[in-house]
């Protein structure tokens, strides 16, 4: 994966919730994904991730136990292997170190 930009908060897989590890495994396998919106284009409207062409980023749901819907947790994946975790529905991201 690309180098982490200066000032970008990071997280190790060991520090992610187990559901995020499940999502990372599904991404690596290419699915199948549990939600129709998974593997959809992430538009980076918040502009918190490095700026790339539309289609560079894909988004995936991280299950939230007890949530009646998809919840706020996501993994966003970049074409070059970058993985980002948000637990607040895109208000902030942490770069997942691999």
C-alpha atoms as a PDB file:
ATOM      1  CA  UNK A   1       0.000   0.000   0.000  1.00  0.00           C
ATOM      2  CA  UNK A   2       0.907   3.637  -0.360  1.00  0.00           C
ATOM      3  CA  UNK A   3       2.762   5.510   2.362  1.00  0.00           C
ATOM      4  CA  UNK A   4       0.635   7.023   5.105  1.00  0.00           C
ATOM      5  CA  UNK A   5       0.409  10.817   4.632  1.00  0.00           C
ATOM      6  CA  UNK A   6       1.911  12.905   7.423  1.00  0.00           C
ATOM      7  CA  UNK A   7      -0.562  13.642  10.188  1.00  0.00           C
ATOM      8  CA  UNK A   8      -2.982  10.869   9.230  1.00  0.00           C
ATOM      9  CA  UNK A   9      -4.192   8.877  12.238  1.00  0.00           C
ATOM     10  CA  UNK A  10      -3.473   5.143  11.976  1.00  0.00           C
ATOM     11  CA  UNK A  11      -4.798   1.945  13.513  1.00  0.00           C
ATOM     12  CA  UNK A  12      -3.510  -1.631  13.482  1.00  0.00           C
ATOM     13  CA  UNK A  13      -5.833  -4.486  12.576  1.00  0.00           C
ATOM     14  CA  UNK A  14      -5.415  -5.819  16.133  1.00  0.00           C
ATOM     15  CA  UNK A  15      -6.986  -2.604  17.446  1.00  0.00           C
ATOM     16  CA  UNK A  16     -10.060  -2.816  15.208  1.00  0.00           C
ATOM     17  CA  UNK A  17     -13.328  -4.415  16.315  1.00  0.00           C
ATOM     18  CA  UNK A  18     -13.680  -8.062  15.215  1.00  0.00           C
ATOM     19  CA  UNK A  19     -16.417  -7.111  12.739  1.00  0.00           C
ATOM     20  CA  UNK A  20     -13.936  -4.841  10.924  1.00  0.00           C
ATOM     21  CA  UNK A  21     -11.536  -7.763  10.588  1.00  0.00           C
ATOM     22  CA  UNK A  22     -14.378  -9.792   9.064  1.00  0.00           C
ATOM     23  CA  UNK A  23     -14.997  -6.981   6.558  1.00  0.00           C
ATOM     24  CA  UNK A  24     -11.294  -6.745   5.674  1.00  0.00           C
ATOM     25  CA  UNK A  25     -11.264 -10.488   5.021  1.00  0.00           C
ATOM     26  CA  UNK A  26     -14.319 -10.200   2.747  1.00  0.00           C
ATOM     27  CA  UNK A  27     -12.636  -7.370   0.815  1.00  0.00           C
ATOM     28  CA  UNK A  28      -9.495  -9.475   0.348  1.00  0.00           C
ATOM     29  CA  UNK A  29     -11.620 -12.413  -0.889  1.00  0.00           C
ATOM     30  CA  UNK A  30     -13.746 -10.244  -3.168  1.00  0.00           C
ATOM     31  CA  UNK A  31     -16.987 -10.964  -1.302  1.00  0.00           C
ATOM     32  CA  UNK A  32     -19.701 -11.980  -1.084  1.00  0.00           C
ATOM     33  CA  UNK A  33     -20.725  -8.829   0.755  1.00  0.00           C
ATOM     34  CA  UNK A  34     -23.741  -8.743   3.084  1.00  0.00           C
ATOM     35  CA  UNK A  35     -25.157  -5.382   1.965  1.00  0.00           C
ATOM     36  CA  UNK A  36     -26.185  -4.243  -1.498  1.00  0.00           C
ATOM     37  CA  UNK A  37     -24.314  -0.945  -1.017  1.00  0.00           C
ATOM     38  CA  UNK A  38     -21.039  -2.751  -0.261  1.00  0.00           C
ATOM     39  CA  UNK A  39     -18.327  -2.491  -2.932  1.00  0.00           C
ATOM     40  CA  UNK A  40     -19.909   0.748  -4.133  1.00  0.00           C
ATOM     41  CA  UNK A  41     -17.961   3.843  -5.096  1.00  0.00           C
ATOM     42  CA  UNK A  42     -16.941   6.033  -2.172  1.00  0.00           C
ATOM     43  CA  UNK A  43     -16.985   9.622  -3.402  1.00  0.00           C
ATOM     44  CA  UNK A  44     -14.812  11.189  -0.681  1.00  0.00           C
ATOM     45  CA  UNK A  45     -17.206  14.154  -0.464  1.00  0.00           C
ATOM     46  CA  UNK A  46     -15.784  15.007   2.950  1.00  0.00           C
ATOM     47  CA  UNK A  47     -12.327  15.225   1.333  1.00  0.00           C
ATOM     48  CA  UNK A  48     -10.734  13.637   4.390  1.00  0.00           C
ATOM     49  CA  UNK A  49      -8.957  10.942   2.380  1.00  0.00           C
ATOM     50  CA  UNK A  50      -6.172  11.658  -0.110  1.00  0.00           C
ATOM     51  CA  UNK A  51      -7.720  13.159  -3.257  1.00  0.00           C
ATOM     52  CA  UNK A  52      -8.016  10.622  -6.087  1.00  0.00           C
ATOM     53  CA  UNK A  53     -10.135  10.204  -9.206  1.00  0.00           C
ATOM     54  CA  UNK A  54     -13.757   9.158  -8.761  1.00  0.00           C
ATOM     55  CA  UNK A  55     -13.931   5.380  -8.560  1.00  0.00           C
ATOM     56  CA  UNK A  56     -10.579   5.021  -6.781  1.00  0.00           C
ATOM     57  CA  UNK A  57     -12.239   4.306  -3.418  1.00  0.00           C
ATOM     58  CA  UNK A  58     -14.833   1.618  -2.586  1.00  0.00           C
ATOM     59  CA  UNK A  59     -16.831   1.393   0.641  1.00  0.00           C
ATOM     60  CA  UNK A  60     -17.876  -1.567   2.781  1.00  0.00           C
ATOM     61  CA  UNK A  61     -20.091  -1.971   5.830  1.00  0.00           C
ATOM     62  CA  UNK A  62     -18.628  -3.038   9.158  1.00  0.00           C
ATOM     63  CA  UNK A  63     -21.401  -4.790  11.079  1.00  0.00           C
ATOM     64  CA  UNK A  64     -22.487  -3.015  14.255  1.00  0.00           C
ATOM     65  CA  UNK A  65     -23.966  -5.469  16.781  1.00  0.00           C
ATOM     66  CA  UNK A  66     -27.392  -4.346  17.942  1.00  0.00           C
ATOM     67  CA  UNK A  67     -27.837  -1.770  15.179  1.00  0.00           C
ATOM     68  CA  UNK A  68     -31.158  -1.983  13.304  1.00  0.00           C
ATOM     69  CA  UNK A  69     -29.462  -0.790  10.090  1.00  0.00           C
ATOM     70  CA  UNK A  70     -25.977  -0.683   8.559  1.00  0.00           C
ATOM     71  CA  UNK A  71     -24.723   1.472  11.411  1.00  0.00           C
ATOM     72  CA  UNK A  72     -21.925   4.048  11.156  1.00  0.00           C
ATOM     73  CA  UNK A  73     -18.868   1.835  10.771  1.00  0.00           C
ATOM     74  CA  UNK A  74     -17.212   1.405   7.379  1.00  0.00           C
ATOM     75  CA  UNK A  75     -14.020   0.324   5.683  1.00  0.00           C
ATOM     76  CA  UNK A  76     -13.041   2.372   2.641  1.00  0.00           C
ATOM     77  CA  UNK A  77     -10.555   0.697   0.307  1.00  0.00           C
ATOM     78  CA  UNK A  78      -8.283   2.385  -2.213  1.00  0.00           C
ATOM     79  CA  UNK A  79      -7.144   0.864  -5.501  1.00  0.00           C
ATOM     80  CA  UNK A  80      -3.530   0.637  -4.289  1.00  0.00           C
ATOM     81  CA  UNK A  81      -4.393  -1.413  -1.208  1.00  0.00           C
ATOM     82  CA  UNK A  82      -5.062   1.389   1.254  1.00  0.00           C
ATOM     83  CA  UNK A  83      -7.676   0.615   3.885  1.00  0.00           C
ATOM     84  CA  UNK A  84      -9.387   3.254   6.024  1.00  0.00           C
ATOM     85  CA  UNK A  85     -11.665   2.711   9.007  1.00  0.00           C
ATOM     86  CA  UNK A  86     -14.419   5.057  10.184  1.00  0.00           C
ATOM     87  CA  UNK A  87     -16.656   4.421  13.164  1.00  0.00           C
ATOM     88  CA  UNK A  88     -18.533   7.723  12.867  1.00  0.00           C
ATOM     89  CA  UNK A  89     -19.923   7.528   9.322  1.00  0.00           C
ATOM     90  CA  UNK A  90     -17.179   9.470   7.537  1.00  0.00           C
ATOM     91  CA  UNK A  91     -16.613  12.211  10.139  1.00  0.00           C
ATOM     92  CA  UNK A  92     -13.107  10.824  10.679  1.00  0.00           C
ATOM     93  CA  UNK A  93     -10.876   8.101   9.261  1.00  0.00           C
ATOM     94  CA  UNK A  94      -7.922   6.069  10.461  1.00  0.00           C
ATOM     95  CA  UNK A  95      -5.499   4.454   8.029  1.00  0.00           C
ATOM     96  CA  UNK A  96      -5.380   0.702   8.687  1.00  0.00           C
ATOM     97  CA  UNK A  97      -1.751  -0.411   8.845  1.00  0.00           C
ATOM     98  CA  UNK A  98      -1.050  -3.710   7.113  1.00  0.00           C
END
